[in-house]
Amino acid sequence: MCHDEVAANGWTSTPADAGAIFSDQSFISKAKPLPLNDIKFPFDDPTVAKTLKYVKDALHPETFNHSMRVYFYGMAITKQQFSEQAAALNPATWALTCLLHDIGTAEANLTATRMSFDIYGGIKALYILQDLGASKDQAEAVAEAIIRHEDMGVDGTITYIGQLIQLATTYDNTSIHPHVKNFGEMIHDTTRTEVSEAYPRIKWSTFFRASFARRSKSNLGAIQLILLTSPKKLRRTPL
């Protein structure tokens, strides 16, 4: 694996504990308005274009819009909080991670296995991306991040895009992070409004709770995200 691929595909080792990254400060930098025009989505990348078509067919509209919001929120976070990583990260790798991070919740996949949806989804994403032309390193980086995107443990390390997908999905799902103070202020209100207008929530919190309930019934022994899918926390989100 060359050094360029490590940073471009988000393999850089990062603390698993987001609280350790931001320490006693809420954020490294105060969130500022970031227009969507300044956050480019790599529509022209061949693998991204094929994956976009795939997920539009496979996912519910609610989940697709969530995945797109996660892309823009993650890019805002990485640009404003992690400028060094932002300069090196390949937007296509990040886009693929966001588009496929919930592929395990697609109706065809939800009932296809008793595995946790994130683990099954990561494995599924690996094969999808290999078929759609992603490089081996890129496909594996995406799969790794998806498999760990609900692992909110604080011990050890995680890949950079693994931490970023946790931050961005948590922000869109609840705006509450168990280890980061004032997490709802991570994205500026203007940016959040613009992203939500481009990719409406379509009652995402309600859909998310119902999806979690279906997963709990079909994946009885699998790992479930209890903290961030708590109905009380979902009802508290201003998003």
C-alpha atoms as a PDB file:
ATOM      1  CA  MET A   1       0.000   0.000   0.000  1.00  0.00           C
ATOM      2  CA  CYS A   2       1.568   3.314  -1.047  1.00  0.00           C
ATOM      3  CA  HIS A   3       1.610   6.284   1.313  1.00  0.00           C
ATOM      4  CA  ASP A   4      -0.664   8.327  -0.968  1.00  0.00           C
ATOM      5  CA  GLU A   5      -3.388   5.660  -0.784  1.00  0.00           C
ATOM      6  CA  VAL A   6      -3.299   5.642   3.012  1.00  0.00           C
ATOM      7  CA  ALA A   7      -4.328   9.290   3.260  1.00  0.00           C
ATOM      8  CA  ALA A   8      -6.468   9.410   0.104  1.00  0.00           C
ATOM      9  CA  ASN A   9      -8.580   6.433   1.121  1.00  0.00           C
ATOM     10  CA  GLY A  10      -8.885   7.478   4.752  1.00  0.00           C
ATOM     11  CA  TRP A  11      -6.744   4.768   6.359  1.00  0.00           C
ATOM     12  CA  THR A  12      -4.923   7.234   8.639  1.00  0.00           C
ATOM     13  CA  SER A  13      -4.987   5.963  12.219  1.00  0.00           C
ATOM     14  CA  THR A  14      -7.298   8.073  14.401  1.00  0.00           C
ATOM     15  CA  PRO A  15      -8.413   7.741  18.041  1.00  0.00           C
ATOM     16  CA  ALA A  16     -11.589   5.707  18.355  1.00  0.00           C
ATOM     17  CA  ASP A  17     -12.695   8.078  21.115  1.00  0.00           C
ATOM     18  CA  ALA A  18     -13.994  11.235  19.459  1.00  0.00           C
ATOM     19  CA  GLY A  19     -13.871  12.915  22.858  1.00  0.00           C
ATOM     20  CA  ALA A  20     -10.106  12.460  22.894  1.00  0.00           C
ATOM     21  CA  ILE A  21      -9.840  14.185  19.511  1.00  0.00           C
ATOM     22  CA  PHE A  22     -11.699  17.281  20.668  1.00  0.00           C
ATOM     23  CA  SER A  23     -10.352  17.084  24.240  1.00  0.00           C
ATOM     24  CA  ASP A  24     -11.933  19.613  26.625  1.00  0.00           C
ATOM     25  CA  GLN A  25     -12.811  21.914  23.742  1.00  0.00           C
ATOM     26  CA  SER A  26     -16.103  21.402  21.962  1.00  0.00           C
ATOM     27  CA  PHE A  27     -14.397  21.631  18.572  1.00  0.00           C
ATOM     28  CA  ILE A  28     -11.003  22.252  17.064  1.00  0.00           C
ATOM     29  CA  SER A  29     -12.472  25.130  15.039  1.00  0.00           C
ATOM     30  CA  LYS A  30     -15.763  26.997  15.399  1.00  0.00           C
ATOM     31  CA  ALA A  31     -18.210  25.969  12.684  1.00  0.00           C
ATOM     32  CA  LYS A  32     -18.712  28.540   9.928  1.00  0.00           C
ATOM     33  CA  PRO A  33     -21.247  28.669   7.081  1.00  0.00           C
ATOM     34  CA  LEU A  34     -20.095  26.464   4.211  1.00  0.00           C
ATOM     35  CA  PRO A  35     -22.163  26.757   1.008  1.00  0.00           C
ATOM     36  CA  LEU A  36     -22.982  23.536  -0.813  1.00  0.00           C
ATOM     37  CA  ASN A  37     -21.254  24.968  -3.872  1.00  0.00           C
ATOM     38  CA  ASP A  38     -18.017  24.768  -1.882  1.00  0.00           C
ATOM     39  CA  ILE A  39     -18.589  21.082  -1.098  1.00  0.00           C
ATOM     40  CA  LYS A  40     -18.274  19.210  -4.357  1.00  0.00           C
ATOM     41  CA  PHE A  41     -19.861  15.793  -4.769  1.00  0.00           C
ATOM     42  CA  PRO A  42     -17.828  13.655  -7.215  1.00  0.00           C
ATOM     43  CA  PHE A  43     -20.679  12.905  -9.634  1.00  0.00           C
ATOM     44  CA  ASP A  44     -18.171  12.557 -12.494  1.00  0.00           C
ATOM     45  CA  ASP A  45     -16.164   9.768 -10.875  1.00  0.00           C
ATOM     46  CA  PRO A  46     -17.100   6.561 -12.787  1.00  0.00           C
ATOM     47  CA  THR A  47     -17.298   4.320  -9.714  1.00  0.00           C
ATOM     48  CA  VAL A  48     -19.287   6.900  -7.767  1.00  0.00           C
ATOM     49  CA  ALA A  49     -21.704   7.341 -10.682  1.00  0.00           C
ATOM     50  CA  LYS A  50     -22.319   3.587 -10.887  1.00  0.00           C
ATOM     51  CA  THR A  51     -22.682   3.294  -7.114  1.00  0.00           C
ATOM     52  CA  LEU A  52     -25.105   6.213  -7.039  1.00  0.00           C
ATOM     53  CA  LYS A  53     -27.344   4.446  -9.531  1.00  0.00           C
ATOM     54  CA  TYR A  54     -27.058   1.193  -7.558  1.00  0.00           C
ATOM     55  CA  VAL A  55     -28.070   2.700  -4.214  1.00  0.00           C
ATOM     56  CA  LYS A  56     -30.924   4.739  -5.699  1.00  0.00           C
ATOM     57  CA  ASP A  57     -32.427   1.440  -6.845  1.00  0.00           C
ATOM     58  CA  ALA A  58     -31.622  -0.444  -3.628  1.00  0.00           C
ATOM     59  CA  LEU A  59     -32.373   2.015  -0.823  1.00  0.00           C
ATOM     60  CA  HIS A  60     -35.529   3.711   0.389  1.00  0.00           C
ATOM     61  CA  PRO A  61     -35.623   7.442  -0.527  1.00  0.00           C
ATOM     62  CA  GLU A  62     -35.323   8.282   3.179  1.00  0.00           C
ATOM     63  CA  THR A  63     -32.092   6.309   3.466  1.00  0.00           C
ATOM     64  CA  PHE A  64     -30.701   7.644   0.203  1.00  0.00           C
ATOM     65  CA  ASN A  65     -31.244  11.255   1.293  1.00  0.00           C
ATOM     66  CA  HIS A  66     -29.686  10.448   4.675  1.00  0.00           C
ATOM     67  CA  SER A  67     -26.623   9.056   2.896  1.00  0.00           C
ATOM     68  CA  MET A  68     -26.271  12.217   0.815  1.00  0.00           C
ATOM     69  CA  ARG A  69     -26.631  14.460   3.876  1.00  0.00           C
ATOM     70  CA  VAL A  70     -23.957  12.402   5.604  1.00  0.00           C
ATOM     71  CA  TYR A  71     -21.610  13.079   2.680  1.00  0.00           C
ATOM     72  CA  PHE A  72     -22.032  16.856   2.943  1.00  0.00           C
ATOM     73  CA  TYR A  73     -21.925  16.928   6.740  1.00  0.00           C
ATOM     74  CA  GLY A  74     -18.777  14.809   6.728  1.00  0.00           C
ATOM     75  CA  MET A  75     -17.117  17.065   4.186  1.00  0.00           C
ATOM     76  CA  ALA A  76     -18.022  20.113   6.265  1.00  0.00           C
ATOM     77  CA  ILE A  77     -16.569  18.470   9.371  1.00  0.00           C
ATOM     78  CA  THR A  78     -13.373  17.386   7.668  1.00  0.00           C
ATOM     79  CA  LYS A  79     -12.828  20.769   5.962  1.00  0.00           C
ATOM     80  CA  GLN A  80     -13.374  22.779   9.132  1.00  0.00           C
ATOM     81  CA  GLN A  81     -12.003  20.459  11.816  1.00  0.00           C
ATOM     82  CA  PHE A  82      -9.347  18.355  10.070  1.00  0.00           C
ATOM     83  CA  SER A  83      -7.761  20.464   7.339  1.00  0.00           C
ATOM     84  CA  GLU A  84      -4.722  18.200   6.899  1.00  0.00           C
ATOM     85  CA  GLN A  85      -6.869  15.117   6.299  1.00  0.00           C
ATOM     86  CA  ALA A  86      -9.253  17.132   4.097  1.00  0.00           C
ATOM     87  CA  ALA A  87      -6.399  18.091   1.783  1.00  0.00           C
ATOM     88  CA  ALA A  88      -5.433  14.437   1.250  1.00  0.00           C
ATOM     89  CA  LEU A  89      -8.790  12.633   1.351  1.00  0.00           C
ATOM     90  CA  ASN A  90     -10.185  11.428  -1.961  1.00  0.00           C
ATOM     91  CA  PRO A  91     -13.794  12.748  -2.121  1.00  0.00           C
ATOM     92  CA  ALA A  92     -14.755   9.684  -4.189  1.00  0.00           C
ATOM     93  CA  THR A  93     -13.727   7.318  -1.382  1.00  0.00           C
ATOM     94  CA  TRP A  94     -15.745   9.360   1.094  1.00  0.00           C
ATOM     95  CA  ALA A  95     -18.729   9.453  -1.271  1.00  0.00           C
ATOM     96  CA  LEU A  96     -18.655   5.680  -1.707  1.00  0.00           C
ATOM     97  CA  THR A  97     -18.528   5.216   2.066  1.00  0.00           C
ATOM     98  CA  CYS A  98     -21.574   7.440   2.555  1.00  0.00           C
ATOM     99  CA  LEU A  99     -23.593   5.976  -0.305  1.00  0.00           C
ATOM    100  CA  LEU A 100     -23.084   2.407   0.905  1.00  0.00           C
ATOM    101  CA  HIS A 101     -22.871   2.796   4.683  1.00  0.00           C
ATOM    102  CA  ASP A 102     -26.504   1.709   5.152  1.00  0.00           C
ATOM    103  CA  ILE A 103     -26.684  -0.777   2.277  1.00  0.00           C
ATOM    104  CA  GLY A 104     -27.226  -3.479   4.903  1.00  0.00           C
ATOM    105  CA  THR A 105     -30.632  -1.929   5.638  1.00  0.00           C
ATOM    106  CA  ALA A 106     -31.892  -2.370   2.073  1.00  0.00           C
ATOM    107  CA  GLU A 107     -34.976  -4.581   2.118  1.00  0.00           C
ATOM    108  CA  ALA A 108     -33.228  -7.338   0.154  1.00  0.00           C
ATOM    109  CA  ASN A 109     -30.306  -7.359   2.595  1.00  0.00           C
ATOM    110  CA  LEU A 110     -32.201  -6.877   5.841  1.00  0.00           C
ATOM    111  CA  THR A 111     -33.856 -10.286   5.563  1.00  0.00           C
ATOM    112  CA  ALA A 112     -30.955 -12.042   3.839  1.00  0.00           C
ATOM    113  CA  THR A 113     -28.876 -12.635   6.970  1.00  0.00           C
ATOM    114  CA  ARG A 114     -28.838 -12.732  10.754  1.00  0.00           C
ATOM    115  CA  MET A 115     -25.581 -10.754  10.768  1.00  0.00           C
ATOM    116  CA  SER A 116     -25.456  -7.175  12.053  1.00  0.00           C
ATOM    117  CA  PHE A 117     -26.465  -4.859   9.230  1.00  0.00           C
ATOM    118  CA  ASP A 118     -23.226  -2.871   9.451  1.00  0.00           C
ATOM    119  CA  ILE A 119     -21.013  -5.957   9.215  1.00  0.00           C
ATOM    120  CA  TYR A 120     -23.071  -7.528   6.443  1.00  0.00           C
ATOM    121  CA  GLY A 121     -23.275  -4.154   4.716  1.00  0.00           C
ATOM    122  CA  GLY A 122     -19.505  -3.736   4.792  1.00  0.00           C
ATOM    123  CA  ILE A 123     -18.975  -7.160   3.257  1.00  0.00           C
ATOM    124  CA  LYS A 124     -21.654  -6.447   0.669  1.00  0.00           C
ATOM    125  CA  ALA A 125     -20.090  -3.084  -0.153  1.00  0.00           C
ATOM    126  CA  LEU A 126     -16.697  -4.699  -0.721  1.00  0.00           C
ATOM    127  CA  TYR A 127     -18.068  -6.956  -3.452  1.00  0.00           C
ATOM    128  CA  ILE A 128     -20.263  -4.234  -4.953  1.00  0.00           C
ATOM    129  CA  LEU A 129     -17.319  -1.881  -5.304  1.00  0.00           C
ATOM    130  CA  GLN A 130     -15.058  -4.540  -6.743  1.00  0.00           C
ATOM    131  CA  ASP A 131     -17.709  -5.198  -9.395  1.00  0.00           C
ATOM    132  CA  LEU A 132     -18.157  -1.484 -10.102  1.00  0.00           C
ATOM    133  CA  GLY A 133     -14.480  -0.776 -10.701  1.00  0.00           C
ATOM    134  CA  ALA A 134     -13.094   0.523  -7.416  1.00  0.00           C
ATOM    135  CA  SER A 135      -9.478  -0.275  -6.621  1.00  0.00           C
ATOM    136  CA  LYS A 136      -8.811  -2.999  -4.062  1.00  0.00           C
ATOM    137  CA  ASP A 137      -7.514  -0.460  -1.544  1.00  0.00           C
ATOM    138  CA  GLN A 138     -10.461   1.885  -1.996  1.00  0.00           C
ATOM    139  CA  ALA A 139     -13.036  -0.915  -1.722  1.00  0.00           C
ATOM    140  CA  GLU A 140     -11.399  -2.279   1.435  1.00  0.00           C
ATOM    141  CA  ALA A 141     -11.199   1.188   3.034  1.00  0.00           C
ATOM    142  CA  VAL A 142     -14.921   1.721   2.449  1.00  0.00           C
ATOM    143  CA  ALA A 143     -15.804  -1.754   3.748  1.00  0.00           C
ATOM    144  CA  GLU A 144     -13.721  -1.234   6.908  1.00  0.00           C
ATOM    145  CA  ALA A 145     -15.429   2.079   7.656  1.00  0.00           C
ATOM    146  CA  ILE A 146     -18.913   0.640   7.103  1.00  0.00           C
ATOM    147  CA  ILE A 147     -18.257  -2.367   9.320  1.00  0.00           C
ATOM    148  CA  ARG A 148     -17.191  -0.074  12.172  1.00  0.00           C
ATOM    149  CA  HIS A 149     -19.556   2.849  11.632  1.00  0.00           C
ATOM    150  CA  GLU A 150     -21.723   1.904  14.609  1.00  0.00           C
ATOM    151  CA  ASP A 151     -18.824   0.877  16.849  1.00  0.00           C
ATOM    152  CA  MET A 152     -18.773   3.805  19.274  1.00  0.00           C
ATOM    153  CA  GLY A 153     -16.200   2.275  21.605  1.00  0.00           C
ATOM    154  CA  VAL A 154     -13.501   4.522  23.034  1.00  0.00           C
ATOM    155  CA  ASP A 155     -10.542   2.147  23.178  1.00  0.00           C
ATOM    156  CA  GLY A 156      -7.841   1.923  20.538  1.00  0.00           C
ATOM    157  CA  THR A 157      -7.902   3.463  17.092  1.00  0.00           C
ATOM    158  CA  ILE A 158     -10.037   3.568  13.969  1.00  0.00           C
ATOM    159  CA  THR A 159      -9.412   4.697  10.404  1.00  0.00           C
ATOM    160  CA  TYR A 160      -9.990   8.362   9.642  1.00  0.00           C
ATOM    161  CA  ILE A 161     -13.037   7.727   7.450  1.00  0.00           C
ATOM    162  CA  GLY A 162     -14.275   5.277  10.077  1.00  0.00           C
ATOM    163  CA  GLN A 163     -14.299   8.102  12.626  1.00  0.00           C
ATOM    164  CA  LEU A 164     -15.687  10.560  10.079  1.00  0.00           C
ATOM    165  CA  ILE A 165     -18.627   8.319   9.138  1.00  0.00           C
ATOM    166  CA  GLN A 166     -19.432   7.947  12.833  1.00  0.00           C
ATOM    167  CA  LEU A 167     -19.396  11.719  13.347  1.00  0.00           C
ATOM    168  CA  ALA A 168     -21.439  12.506  10.240  1.00  0.00           C
ATOM    169  CA  THR A 169     -24.077   9.790  10.723  1.00  0.00           C
ATOM    170  CA  THR A 170     -24.434  10.603  14.411  1.00  0.00           C
ATOM    171  CA  TYR A 171     -24.913  14.246  13.554  1.00  0.00           C
ATOM    172  CA  ASP A 172     -27.659  13.487  11.042  1.00  0.00           C
ATOM    173  CA  ASN A 173     -29.352  10.871  13.230  1.00  0.00           C
ATOM    174  CA  THR A 174     -29.448  12.599  16.608  1.00  0.00           C
ATOM    175  CA  SER A 175     -27.122  15.625  16.762  1.00  0.00           C
ATOM    176  CA  ILE A 176     -26.015  14.162  20.117  1.00  0.00           C
ATOM    177  CA  HIS A 177     -22.644  12.454  20.615  1.00  0.00           C
ATOM    178  CA  PRO A 178     -21.864  10.531  23.813  1.00  0.00           C
ATOM    179  CA  HIS A 179     -18.279  11.806  23.933  1.00  0.00           C
ATOM    180  CA  VAL A 180     -18.363  15.250  22.295  1.00  0.00           C
ATOM    181  CA  LYS A 181     -19.808  18.288  24.072  1.00  0.00           C
ATOM    182  CA  ASN A 182     -22.269  20.501  22.192  1.00  0.00           C
ATOM    183  CA  PHE A 183     -22.096  18.162  19.238  1.00  0.00           C
ATOM    184  CA  GLY A 184     -25.139  19.759  17.599  1.00  0.00           C
ATOM    185  CA  GLU A 185     -22.987  22.837  16.949  1.00  0.00           C
ATOM    186  CA  MET A 186     -20.479  20.862  14.880  1.00  0.00           C
ATOM    187  CA  ILE A 187     -22.191  22.064  11.683  1.00  0.00           C
ATOM    188  CA  HIS A 188     -23.263  25.678  11.189  1.00  0.00           C
ATOM    189  CA  ASP A 189     -27.042  26.185  11.045  1.00  0.00           C
ATOM    190  CA  THR A 190     -26.821  27.726   7.582  1.00  0.00           C
ATOM    191  CA  THR A 191     -24.968  24.716   6.203  1.00  0.00           C
ATOM    192  CA  ARG A 192     -27.364  22.292   7.869  1.00  0.00           C
ATOM    193  CA  THR A 193     -30.385  24.111   6.426  1.00  0.00           C
ATOM    194  CA  GLU A 194     -28.936  24.128   2.924  1.00  0.00           C
ATOM    195  CA  VAL A 195     -28.078  20.412   3.058  1.00  0.00           C
ATOM    196  CA  SER A 196     -31.533  19.512   4.390  1.00  0.00           C
ATOM    197  CA  GLU A 197     -33.216  21.550   1.662  1.00  0.00           C
ATOM    198  CA  ALA A 198     -31.195  19.787  -1.031  1.00  0.00           C
ATOM    199  CA  TYR A 199     -31.802  16.337   0.483  1.00  0.00           C
ATOM    200  CA  PRO A 200     -34.967  16.539   2.645  1.00  0.00           C
ATOM    201  CA  ARG A 201     -35.224  14.456   5.791  1.00  0.00           C
ATOM    202  CA  ILE A 202     -38.655  13.012   4.818  1.00  0.00           C
ATOM    203  CA  LYS A 203     -39.327  12.273   8.523  1.00  0.00           C
ATOM    204  CA  TRP A 204     -35.975  10.487   8.759  1.00  0.00           C
ATOM    205  CA  SER A 205     -36.050  10.082  12.550  1.00  0.00           C
ATOM    206  CA  THR A 206     -39.389   8.239  12.393  1.00  0.00           C
ATOM    207  CA  PHE A 207     -38.194   6.070   9.523  1.00  0.00           C
ATOM    208  CA  PHE A 208     -34.906   5.393  11.332  1.00  0.00           C
ATOM    209  CA  ARG A 209     -36.703   4.180  14.473  1.00  0.00           C
ATOM    210  CA  ALA A 210     -38.944   1.880  12.422  1.00  0.00           C
ATOM    211  CA  SER A 211     -35.940   0.525  10.524  1.00  0.00           C
ATOM    212  CA  PHE A 212     -34.138  -0.170  13.796  1.00  0.00           C
ATOM    213  CA  ALA A 213     -37.169  -2.051  15.099  1.00  0.00           C
ATOM    214  CA  ARG A 214     -37.220  -4.242  11.975  1.00  0.00           C
ATOM    215  CA  ARG A 215     -33.501  -4.931  12.342  1.00  0.00           C
ATOM    216  CA  SER A 216     -33.972  -5.916  15.988  1.00  0.00           C
ATOM    217  CA  LYS A 217     -36.568  -8.516  15.003  1.00  0.00           C
ATOM    218  CA  SER A 218     -34.610 -10.053  12.141  1.00  0.00           C
ATOM    219  CA  ASN A 219     -31.129  -9.860  13.726  1.00  0.00           C
ATOM    220  CA  LEU A 220     -31.872 -11.088  17.223  1.00  0.00           C
ATOM    221  CA  GLY A 221     -28.325 -11.897  18.279  1.00  0.00           C
ATOM    222  CA  ALA A 222     -26.525  -9.232  16.303  1.00  0.00           C
ATOM    223  CA  ILE A 223     -24.820  -6.108  17.566  1.00  0.00           C
ATOM    224  CA  GLN A 224     -27.347  -3.308  17.895  1.00  0.00           C
ATOM    225  CA  LEU A 225     -26.700   0.395  18.358  1.00  0.00           C
ATOM    226  CA  ILE A 226     -28.605   1.176  21.543  1.00  0.00           C
ATOM    227  CA  LEU A 227     -27.231   4.574  22.517  1.00  0.00           C
ATOM    228  CA  LEU A 228     -27.770   6.454  19.287  1.00  0.00           C
ATOM    229  CA  THR A 229     -31.042   4.836  18.315  1.00  0.00           C
ATOM    230  CA  SER A 230     -32.739   5.491  21.622  1.00  0.00           C
ATOM    231  CA  PRO A 231     -36.241   6.803  20.832  1.00  0.00           C
ATOM    232  CA  LYS A 232     -35.775   9.542  23.466  1.00  0.00           C
ATOM    233  CA  LYS A 233     -32.598  10.756  21.819  1.00  0.00           C
ATOM    234  CA  LEU A 234     -34.168  10.614  18.363  1.00  0.00           C
ATOM    235  CA  ARG A 235     -37.097  12.688  19.559  1.00  0.00           C
ATOM    236  CA  ARG A 236     -34.681  15.278  20.971  1.00  0.00           C
ATOM    237  CA  THR A 237     -32.849  15.855  17.725  1.00  0.00           C
ATOM    238  CA  PRO A 238     -33.560  19.283  16.164  1.00  0.00           C
ATOM    239  CA  LEU A 239     -32.746  17.865  12.761  1.00  0.00           C
END
